[in-house]
N, C-alpha and C. Protein backbone atom coordinates (compact mmCIF):
# COMPACT_ATOMS: atom_id res chain seq x y z
N MET A 1 1.41 25.04 -5.46
CA MET A 1 1.60 23.84 -4.95
C MET A 1 3.26 23.36 -5.76
N SER A 2 4.05 23.62 -5.34
CA SER A 2 5.10 22.50 -6.31
C SER A 2 5.11 21.12 -6.58
N GLU A 3 5.12 20.91 -8.20
CA GLU A 3 5.50 19.47 -8.27
C GLU A 3 6.98 19.15 -8.44
N GLY A 4 7.33 19.15 -7.21
CA GLY A 4 8.92 18.56 -7.64
C GLY A 4 8.60 17.02 -7.52
N PRO A 5 10.27 16.13 -7.51
CA PRO A 5 10.38 15.53 -7.36
C PRO A 5 9.96 14.38 -6.01
N GLU A 6 8.82 13.29 -5.62
CA GLU A 6 8.61 12.92 -4.47
C GLU A 6 9.73 12.51 -3.30
N ARG A 7 9.60 12.69 -2.57
CA ARG A 7 11.09 12.35 -1.66
C ARG A 7 10.38 10.63 -1.29
N HIS A 8 11.61 10.24 -1.09
CA HIS A 8 11.35 8.50 -0.50
C HIS A 8 12.12 8.24 0.58
N LEU A 9 11.54 7.25 1.81
CA LEU A 9 12.10 7.33 2.93
C LEU A 9 12.21 5.90 2.97
N VAL A 10 12.87 4.81 3.56
CA VAL A 10 13.31 3.48 3.56
C VAL A 10 13.45 3.70 4.86
N LEU A 11 12.51 2.76 5.81
CA LEU A 11 12.34 2.54 7.01
C LEU A 11 13.22 1.02 7.36
N SER A 12 13.82 1.09 8.52
CA SER A 12 14.53 -0.12 9.18
C SER A 12 13.23 -0.60 9.96
N TRP A 13 13.41 -1.94 10.18
CA TRP A 13 12.51 -2.64 11.97
C TRP A 13 12.84 -1.50 13.05
N SER A 14 13.83 -1.83 12.97
CA SER A 14 14.37 -0.35 13.82
C SER A 14 13.45 1.00 14.19
N ASP A 15 13.36 1.60 12.94
CA ASP A 15 12.55 2.64 12.85
C ASP A 15 11.21 2.43 13.49
N VAL A 16 10.69 1.38 12.72
CA VAL A 16 9.47 0.54 13.27
C VAL A 16 8.88 1.00 14.26
N ASP A 17 9.81 -0.16 15.08
CA ASP A 17 9.69 -0.29 17.06
C ASP A 17 9.71 1.30 17.45
N LYS A 18 10.84 2.00 16.81
CA LYS A 18 10.65 3.87 17.53
C LYS A 18 9.33 3.79 17.16
N LEU A 19 8.41 4.10 16.22
CA LEU A 19 7.25 4.35 15.56
C LEU A 19 5.88 3.91 16.78
N VAL A 20 6.44 2.82 17.07
CA VAL A 20 5.45 1.82 17.68
C VAL A 20 5.72 2.26 19.61
N ASP A 21 7.18 2.72 19.97
CA ASP A 21 7.18 3.39 21.04
C ASP A 21 6.62 4.49 21.33
N VAL A 22 6.52 5.53 19.85
CA VAL A 22 5.58 6.54 20.12
C VAL A 22 4.15 6.77 20.53
N LEU A 23 4.21 5.49 19.55
CA LEU A 23 2.42 5.41 19.73
C LEU A 23 1.78 5.01 21.16
N LEU A 24 2.56 3.89 21.45
CA LEU A 24 2.23 3.33 22.58
C LEU A 24 1.54 4.29 23.85
N PRO A 25 1.98 5.72 23.99
CA PRO A 25 1.54 6.28 25.53
C PRO A 25 0.25 7.19 24.70
N GLN A 26 0.27 7.13 23.70
CA GLN A 26 -1.32 8.26 23.26
C GLN A 26 -2.20 7.24 23.15
N ILE A 27 -1.91 5.67 22.50
CA ILE A 27 -2.84 5.27 22.78
C ILE A 27 -2.83 4.25 23.76
N ARG A 28 -2.44 4.37 25.07
CA ARG A 28 -2.75 4.07 26.18
C ARG A 28 -3.25 4.91 27.34
N GLY A 29 -3.22 5.93 26.96
CA GLY A 29 -3.92 7.25 27.39
C GLY A 29 -5.26 6.90 26.73
N LEU A 30 -6.08 6.79 25.95
CA LEU A 30 -7.20 7.09 26.00
C LEU A 30 -7.81 5.06 25.95
N GLY A 31 -6.74 4.25 26.24
CA GLY A 31 -7.48 3.02 25.67
C GLY A 31 -7.62 2.64 27.60
N PRO A 32 -8.20 1.30 27.69
CA PRO A 32 -7.85 0.54 26.67
C PRO A 32 -8.87 -0.02 25.32
N PHE A 33 -8.63 -0.54 24.72
CA PHE A 33 -9.63 -0.99 23.47
C PHE A 33 -10.12 -2.16 23.43
N ASP A 34 -11.12 -1.97 22.73
CA ASP A 34 -12.02 -3.70 22.94
C ASP A 34 -11.93 -4.61 21.68
N GLY A 35 -11.22 -3.85 20.62
CA GLY A 35 -10.78 -4.61 19.38
C GLY A 35 -10.29 -4.00 18.84
N MET A 36 -9.76 -4.48 17.67
CA MET A 36 -8.78 -3.40 16.51
C MET A 36 -9.48 -3.72 14.77
N VAL A 37 -9.56 -3.63 14.21
CA VAL A 37 -9.67 -3.04 12.80
C VAL A 37 -8.61 -2.68 12.16
N MET A 38 -7.80 -3.41 10.88
CA MET A 38 -6.24 -3.51 10.69
C MET A 38 -6.99 -3.35 8.79
N ILE A 39 -6.42 -2.66 8.49
CA ILE A 39 -7.43 -1.98 6.90
C ILE A 39 -5.99 -2.63 6.53
N THR A 40 -6.66 -3.82 5.22
CA THR A 40 -5.11 -4.35 4.69
C THR A 40 -4.93 -3.32 3.31
N ARG A 41 -3.78 -3.85 2.94
CA ARG A 41 -2.74 -4.30 3.33
C ARG A 41 -2.03 -3.58 4.20
N GLY A 42 -1.95 -2.41 3.77
CA GLY A 42 -0.90 -1.78 4.94
C GLY A 42 -1.20 -1.49 6.84
N GLY A 43 -2.28 -2.02 6.90
CA GLY A 43 -2.46 -2.15 8.48
C GLY A 43 -2.09 -3.03 8.87
N VAL A 44 -2.07 -3.90 8.20
CA VAL A 44 -1.76 -5.79 9.16
C VAL A 44 -0.40 -5.77 10.21
N ILE A 45 0.34 -4.72 9.27
CA ILE A 45 1.58 -5.80 10.27
C ILE A 45 1.87 -4.55 11.25
N PRO A 46 1.76 -3.31 11.37
CA PRO A 46 1.78 -2.15 12.57
C PRO A 46 0.37 -2.72 13.43
N GLY A 47 -0.85 -3.36 12.58
CA GLY A 47 -2.14 -3.77 13.74
C GLY A 47 -1.81 -4.91 14.45
N GLY A 48 -0.60 -5.98 14.02
CA GLY A 48 -0.34 -7.03 14.54
C GLY A 48 0.69 -6.60 15.54
N MET A 49 1.87 -5.68 15.31
CA MET A 49 2.36 -5.16 16.72
C MET A 49 1.91 -4.60 17.83
N LEU A 50 1.08 -3.55 17.25
CA LEU A 50 -0.03 -3.03 18.71
C LEU A 50 -0.90 -4.08 19.00
N ALA A 51 -1.42 -4.80 18.56
CA ALA A 51 -2.22 -5.74 19.29
C ALA A 51 -1.78 -6.68 20.03
N GLU A 52 -0.48 -7.20 19.51
CA GLU A 52 0.52 -7.69 20.54
C GLU A 52 0.89 -6.77 21.98
N VAL A 53 1.54 -5.41 21.68
CA VAL A 53 1.66 -5.03 23.25
C VAL A 53 0.63 -4.41 23.76
N LEU A 54 -0.12 -4.75 22.83
CA LEU A 54 -1.83 -3.61 23.71
C LEU A 54 -2.80 -4.31 24.54
N ASP A 55 -1.75 -5.68 24.03
CA ASP A 55 -2.94 -7.29 24.50
C ASP A 55 -4.42 -7.05 23.97
N ILE A 56 -4.77 -6.77 22.87
CA ILE A 56 -5.84 -6.62 22.12
C ILE A 56 -5.99 -8.21 21.62
N THR A 57 -6.79 -8.95 21.60
CA THR A 57 -7.35 -10.19 20.63
C THR A 57 -8.33 -9.81 20.65
N HIS A 58 -9.72 -9.04 20.00
CA HIS A 58 -10.32 -9.19 18.97
C HIS A 58 -9.83 -8.44 17.77
N LEU A 59 -9.64 -9.21 16.27
CA LEU A 59 -8.65 -8.37 15.69
C LEU A 59 -9.46 -8.88 14.73
N LEU A 60 -9.62 -7.52 13.70
CA LEU A 60 -10.45 -7.44 12.45
C LEU A 60 -10.00 -6.96 11.53
N THR A 61 -10.08 -7.44 10.41
CA THR A 61 -9.81 -6.75 8.97
C THR A 61 -10.76 -6.21 7.82
N ALA A 62 -10.55 -4.82 7.44
CA ALA A 62 -11.40 -4.26 6.13
C ALA A 62 -10.79 -4.01 5.53
N ALA A 63 -10.61 -4.44 3.56
CA ALA A 63 -10.67 -4.14 3.09
C ALA A 63 -11.39 -3.27 1.91
N VAL A 64 -10.92 -2.13 1.85
CA VAL A 64 -11.31 -0.65 1.34
C VAL A 64 -10.59 -0.69 -0.25
N ASP A 65 -11.39 -0.87 -1.12
CA ASP A 65 -10.93 -0.17 -2.83
C ASP A 65 -12.18 0.97 -3.29
N PHE A 66 -10.85 2.12 -3.98
CA PHE A 66 -11.84 3.58 -4.38
C PHE A 66 -11.61 3.50 -6.01
N PRO A 67 -11.88 3.65 -6.39
CA PRO A 67 -11.65 3.74 -7.71
C PRO A 67 -10.65 4.30 -8.48
N ALA A 68 -9.62 3.88 -9.70
CA ALA A 68 -8.84 3.54 -9.56
C ALA A 68 -8.04 5.18 -10.54
N LYS A 69 -9.62 6.08 -11.49
CA LYS A 69 -9.11 6.94 -11.61
C LYS A 69 -8.50 8.22 -10.54
N ALA A 70 -7.62 9.19 -10.85
CA ALA A 70 -6.79 10.25 -10.13
C ALA A 70 -7.85 11.63 -10.34
N ALA A 71 -8.61 11.32 -11.00
CA ALA A 71 -9.08 12.86 -11.39
C ALA A 71 -10.10 12.94 -9.98
N SER A 72 -10.08 14.41 -10.18
CA SER A 72 -10.65 15.01 -8.77
C SER A 72 -11.62 14.49 -8.57
N ALA A 73 -13.08 14.31 -9.75
CA ALA A 73 -14.21 13.66 -8.70
C ALA A 73 -13.73 12.48 -8.44
N ALA A 74 -13.32 11.49 -8.63
CA ALA A 74 -13.09 9.83 -8.06
C ALA A 74 -12.19 9.93 -6.72
N LEU A 75 -11.65 11.33 -7.02
CA LEU A 75 -11.04 11.55 -5.33
C LEU A 75 -11.96 11.64 -4.40
N MET A 76 -12.87 12.01 -4.69
CA MET A 76 -14.06 12.48 -3.87
C MET A 76 -14.58 11.38 -3.32
N ALA A 77 -15.44 9.99 -4.42
CA ALA A 77 -15.94 8.84 -4.86
C ALA A 77 -15.68 7.96 -3.15
N TRP A 78 -17.01 7.45 -3.38
CA TRP A 78 -17.44 6.77 -1.89
C TRP A 78 -16.69 5.84 -2.23
N PRO A 79 -16.25 4.64 -1.29
CA PRO A 79 -15.22 3.43 -1.86
C PRO A 79 -16.21 2.34 -1.54
N SER A 80 -15.43 0.78 -2.24
CA SER A 80 -16.31 -0.11 -1.98
C SER A 80 -15.41 -1.08 -0.71
N PHE A 81 -16.28 -1.47 0.07
CA PHE A 81 -16.12 -1.96 1.12
C PHE A 81 -15.50 -3.30 0.46
N ILE A 82 -14.89 -4.18 -0.14
CA ILE A 82 -14.32 -5.91 -0.38
C ILE A 82 -14.81 -6.95 0.68
N GLN A 83 -14.07 -6.30 2.15
CA GLN A 83 -14.08 -6.56 3.47
C GLN A 83 -14.66 -5.67 4.21
N PHE A 84 -15.76 -6.44 5.06
CA PHE A 84 -15.68 -5.79 6.12
C PHE A 84 -16.21 -6.36 7.49
N PRO A 85 -16.18 -6.11 8.55
CA PRO A 85 -16.63 -7.08 9.83
C PRO A 85 -17.78 -7.16 9.79
N ASP A 86 -18.68 -7.93 10.18
CA ASP A 86 -20.24 -7.92 10.55
C ASP A 86 -20.27 -6.72 11.52
N ASP A 87 -21.78 -5.96 11.44
CA ASP A 87 -21.85 -4.88 13.02
C ASP A 87 -21.93 -5.81 14.07
N ASP A 88 -22.63 -6.73 13.92
CA ASP A 88 -22.50 -7.43 15.26
C ASP A 88 -20.93 -7.95 16.05
N LEU A 89 -19.89 -7.42 15.15
CA LEU A 89 -18.44 -7.37 15.65
C LEU A 89 -18.46 -6.41 16.30
N LEU A 90 -18.77 -5.10 15.67
CA LEU A 90 -18.52 -3.78 16.38
C LEU A 90 -18.95 -2.95 17.06
N ARG A 91 -20.43 -3.46 17.03
CA ARG A 91 -21.46 -2.73 17.79
C ARG A 91 -21.07 -2.51 19.27
N GLY A 92 -20.78 -1.55 20.17
CA GLY A 92 -20.74 -1.17 21.32
C GLY A 92 -19.42 -0.99 21.46
N ARG A 93 -18.33 -1.43 20.79
CA ARG A 93 -16.54 -1.52 21.08
C ARG A 93 -16.27 -0.56 20.82
N LYS A 94 -15.16 -0.40 21.63
CA LYS A 94 -13.75 0.80 21.42
C LYS A 94 -12.94 0.15 20.67
N LEU A 95 -12.84 0.89 19.22
CA LEU A 95 -12.02 0.56 18.36
C LEU A 95 -10.65 1.13 18.36
N LEU A 96 -9.26 0.58 18.00
CA LEU A 96 -8.58 0.93 17.54
C LEU A 96 -8.71 0.69 15.55
N VAL A 97 -8.57 1.20 14.39
CA VAL A 97 -8.48 1.15 13.29
C VAL A 97 -7.97 1.47 12.66
N VAL A 98 -6.48 0.32 12.17
CA VAL A 98 -4.97 0.69 11.99
C VAL A 98 -4.50 0.70 10.83
N ASP A 99 -3.96 1.48 10.05
CA ASP A 99 -3.32 1.55 8.57
C ASP A 99 -1.66 1.84 8.50
N ASP A 100 -1.33 1.82 7.41
CA ASP A 100 0.53 2.47 7.52
C ASP A 100 0.60 3.83 7.84
N VAL A 101 -0.29 3.61 6.66
CA VAL A 101 -0.47 5.72 6.40
C VAL A 101 -1.98 6.45 6.05
N TRP A 102 -1.81 7.53 6.73
CA TRP A 102 -2.69 8.68 6.02
C TRP A 102 -2.57 9.45 5.35
N GLY A 103 -2.67 9.21 4.05
CA GLY A 103 -2.08 10.26 3.03
C GLY A 103 -3.66 10.93 2.79
N SER A 104 -4.35 10.40 1.60
CA SER A 104 -5.23 11.33 1.44
C SER A 104 -6.12 11.46 2.72
N GLY A 105 -6.16 10.26 3.16
CA GLY A 105 -7.53 10.34 4.53
C GLY A 105 -8.70 9.90 4.37
N ARG A 106 -8.48 9.53 2.79
CA ARG A 106 -10.03 8.58 2.51
C ARG A 106 -10.10 7.28 3.29
N THR A 107 -9.32 6.38 3.47
CA THR A 107 -9.46 4.95 3.58
C THR A 107 -9.52 4.60 5.31
N SER A 108 -9.00 5.91 5.92
CA SER A 108 -9.79 5.68 7.46
C SER A 108 -10.44 6.37 7.58
N ILE A 109 -11.08 7.22 7.05
CA ILE A 109 -12.02 8.06 7.44
C ILE A 109 -13.31 7.26 6.97
N ALA A 110 -13.42 6.03 5.62
CA ALA A 110 -14.18 5.11 5.26
C ALA A 110 -14.59 4.50 6.22
N VAL A 111 -13.71 3.93 6.70
CA VAL A 111 -13.61 2.63 8.04
C VAL A 111 -14.08 3.28 9.17
N ARG A 112 -13.75 4.54 9.46
CA ARG A 112 -13.82 4.84 10.85
C ARG A 112 -15.45 5.39 10.55
N GLU A 113 -16.35 5.87 9.62
CA GLU A 113 -17.62 6.09 9.41
C GLU A 113 -18.18 5.07 9.17
N ARG A 114 -17.69 3.99 8.86
CA ARG A 114 -18.60 2.59 8.69
C ARG A 114 -18.89 1.96 10.06
N ALA A 115 -17.64 1.91 10.71
CA ALA A 115 -17.64 1.24 12.51
C ALA A 115 -18.63 2.52 12.67
N VAL A 116 -18.68 3.59 12.76
CA VAL A 116 -19.77 4.41 13.29
C VAL A 116 -20.75 4.21 13.26
N GLY A 117 -21.44 3.92 12.03
CA GLY A 117 -22.67 3.96 11.27
C GLY A 117 -23.24 2.37 11.99
N ALA A 118 -22.13 0.95 12.65
CA ALA A 118 -21.98 -0.01 13.36
C ALA A 118 -21.87 0.20 14.58
N GLY A 119 -22.26 1.26 15.32
CA GLY A 119 -22.53 1.19 16.73
C GLY A 119 -20.92 1.13 17.47
N ALA A 120 -19.77 1.53 16.65
CA ALA A 120 -19.18 1.07 17.48
C ALA A 120 -18.31 2.60 17.53
N SER A 121 -17.45 2.39 18.42
CA SER A 121 -16.27 3.67 18.94
C SER A 121 -14.82 3.83 18.26
N PRO A 122 -14.61 4.30 16.88
CA PRO A 122 -13.24 3.95 16.27
C PRO A 122 -12.53 5.17 16.76
N PHE A 123 -11.43 4.72 16.93
CA PHE A 123 -10.38 5.97 17.07
C PHE A 123 -9.08 4.85 15.88
N THR A 124 -8.66 6.27 14.88
CA THR A 124 -7.99 6.07 13.77
C THR A 124 -6.03 6.15 14.53
N CYS A 125 -5.51 5.17 14.17
CA CYS A 125 -4.05 5.03 13.80
C CYS A 125 -3.07 4.77 13.35
N VAL A 126 -1.95 5.32 12.85
CA VAL A 126 -1.49 5.08 11.68
C VAL A 126 0.15 5.48 12.36
N MET A 127 0.89 4.93 11.05
CA MET A 127 2.55 4.89 11.54
C MET A 127 2.91 6.69 11.12
N HIS A 128 2.70 6.55 9.73
CA HIS A 128 3.11 7.75 9.75
C HIS A 128 1.96 8.83 8.96
N TYR A 129 1.74 9.91 9.40
CA TYR A 129 0.43 11.31 8.94
C TYR A 129 1.04 12.50 7.84
N ASN A 130 0.60 12.02 6.81
CA ASN A 130 0.95 13.52 5.78
C ASN A 130 -0.45 14.50 5.53
N PRO A 131 -0.54 15.36 6.07
CA PRO A 131 -1.01 16.52 6.27
C PRO A 131 -1.16 17.02 5.10
N TYR A 132 0.61 17.08 4.28
CA TYR A 132 0.14 17.69 2.64
C TYR A 132 -0.75 17.07 1.99
N ARG A 133 -0.81 16.00 1.72
CA ARG A 133 -1.76 15.26 1.21
C ARG A 133 -3.14 15.34 1.58
N SER A 134 -3.95 15.12 2.84
CA SER A 134 -4.78 14.32 3.30
C SER A 134 -6.02 15.47 2.37
N LEU A 135 -6.91 14.85 1.74
CA LEU A 135 -8.11 15.15 1.62
C LEU A 135 -9.13 16.46 3.11
N PHE A 136 -8.64 16.51 3.96
CA PHE A 136 -9.56 16.41 4.85
C PHE A 136 -8.39 17.40 5.99
N SER A 137 -8.88 19.08 5.77
CA SER A 137 -8.19 19.71 6.45
C SER A 137 -8.85 20.15 7.78
N LYS A 138 -9.95 19.30 7.91
CA LYS A 138 -10.43 19.15 9.72
C LYS A 138 -10.44 18.10 10.11
N ALA A 139 -9.89 16.99 9.68
CA ALA A 139 -9.89 15.25 10.37
C ALA A 139 -8.35 14.91 10.06
N LYS A 140 -8.10 14.52 11.34
CA LYS A 140 -6.11 13.69 10.96
C LYS A 140 -6.40 12.39 11.73
N PRO A 141 -5.43 11.66 11.55
CA PRO A 141 -5.60 10.32 13.00
C PRO A 141 -5.93 10.49 14.34
N ASP A 142 -6.34 10.02 14.74
CA ASP A 142 -6.40 10.06 16.25
C ASP A 142 -4.78 10.28 16.77
N PHE A 143 -4.41 8.88 16.38
CA PHE A 143 -2.74 8.68 16.99
C PHE A 143 -1.91 8.27 16.01
N TYR A 144 -0.64 9.05 15.70
CA TYR A 144 0.00 8.91 14.51
C TYR A 144 1.66 9.03 14.87
N GLY A 145 2.98 8.09 14.62
CA GLY A 145 3.82 8.27 14.81
C GLY A 145 4.65 9.14 14.69
N ALA A 146 4.65 10.06 12.93
CA ALA A 146 5.39 10.48 12.50
C ALA A 146 4.44 12.01 11.52
N ILE A 147 4.64 12.36 11.65
CA ILE A 147 4.62 13.80 10.25
C ILE A 147 5.41 13.24 9.31
N THR A 148 4.78 13.19 8.23
CA THR A 148 5.85 13.21 6.96
C THR A 148 5.13 13.57 5.58
N ASP A 149 6.37 14.08 4.75
CA ASP A 149 5.55 15.06 3.29
C ASP A 149 6.13 13.45 2.51
N ALA A 150 7.02 12.37 2.76
CA ALA A 150 7.68 11.44 1.95
C ALA A 150 6.56 9.83 1.56
N PHE A 151 6.93 9.41 0.62
CA PHE A 151 6.83 8.27 0.39
C PHE A 151 7.12 7.51 1.32
N ILE A 152 6.33 6.86 2.13
CA ILE A 152 7.25 5.78 3.07
C ILE A 152 7.62 4.26 2.65
N ILE A 153 8.31 3.48 2.85
CA ILE A 153 8.61 2.12 2.47
C ILE A 153 8.98 1.58 3.56
N TYR A 154 8.25 0.74 3.70
CA TYR A 154 8.07 0.00 5.35
C TYR A 154 8.74 -1.39 4.80
N PRO A 155 9.77 -2.01 6.43
CA PRO A 155 10.42 -3.00 6.35
C PRO A 155 9.79 -3.70 5.11
N TRP A 156 8.89 -4.42 5.55
CA TRP A 156 7.94 -5.52 4.98
C TRP A 156 7.66 -5.56 3.80
N GLU A 157 8.11 -3.71 3.39
CA GLU A 157 7.90 -3.82 2.13
C GLU A 157 8.55 -3.44 0.44
N VAL A 158 9.94 -3.27 1.71
CA VAL A 158 11.37 -2.87 1.08
C VAL A 158 11.38 -3.65 -0.89
N ASP A 159 11.32 -5.13 -0.84
CA ASP A 159 12.26 -5.41 -2.45
C ASP A 159 10.67 -5.02 -3.11
N ARG A 160 9.54 -5.05 -2.77
CA ARG A 160 8.57 -4.77 -3.22
C ARG A 160 8.45 -3.30 -3.94
N GLY A 161 8.03 -2.30 -2.58
CA GLY A 161 8.54 -1.02 -2.61
C GLY A 161 9.73 -0.02 -3.85
N LEU A 162 10.74 -0.75 -3.61
CA LEU A 162 11.97 -0.14 -4.12
C LEU A 162 12.40 -0.24 -5.43
N ARG A 163 11.41 -1.59 -5.89
CA ARG A 163 11.40 -1.96 -7.24
C ARG A 163 10.15 -1.46 -8.14
N GLY A 164 9.50 -0.57 -7.28
CA GLY A 164 8.17 0.21 -7.66
C GLY A 164 8.80 1.59 -8.19
N ILE A 165 10.18 1.87 -7.75
CA ILE A 165 10.71 3.17 -7.51
C ILE A 165 11.62 2.87 -8.56
N GLY A 166 12.04 2.36 -8.93
CA GLY A 166 13.51 1.75 -10.10
C GLY A 166 14.65 1.79 -8.94
N MET A 167 14.24 1.28 -7.89
CA MET A 167 15.63 1.15 -6.80
C MET A 167 15.64 -0.19 -6.83
N THR A 168 16.98 -0.55 -6.35
CA THR A 168 17.42 -1.87 -5.59
C THR A 168 17.84 -2.16 -4.43
N MET A 169 17.81 -2.89 -3.86
CA MET A 169 18.13 -3.06 -2.67
C MET A 169 20.13 -3.27 -2.82
N PRO A 170 20.50 -2.88 -1.89
CA PRO A 170 22.18 -2.76 -1.80
C PRO A 170 22.25 -4.51 -1.53
N GLU A 171 23.41 -4.92 -2.30
CA GLU A 171 23.96 -6.43 -1.87
C GLU A 171 24.33 -6.34 -0.27
N SER A 172 24.03 -7.64 0.43
CA SER A 172 24.58 -8.05 1.42
C SER A 172 25.73 -8.33 1.28
N ASN A 173 26.97 -8.36 2.47
CA ASN A 173 28.01 -9.45 2.28
C ASN A 173 28.20 -10.53 2.38
């Protein structure tokens, strides 16, 4: 695999609205859902947008942490759950598990599997799916707005995201 420069894609709010429009028929085709688990931090804003249009009111969050080392052994390490809903809040519910991006897939799968262990029926949903980075050849999100190979910068993280790659926002008139 070639190690060329990483491509970056800066999205507008209009781009995000279009992704929601792509996701809605997919989700509604399997819906309705009894609740949502938003993976912090990336899944909070997309989850809120989807909860509003899908009229999901049982909203929960999960915070997941993986070891910082990039070694191959660390890539397969099981995460620490900094925060996760009690099993009683998940048991027997059909849940939408929302994050912004499926890169390696580790976070979405970890949350999905923990929800299954609590007795829920979870379905994963992301704005962007990157099959080229996924560590799971036989798993992918149940719902995704677009496939990409780029590093995505969402409108709610533009200032932070662009600074992190040495770019700045254009000056407005």
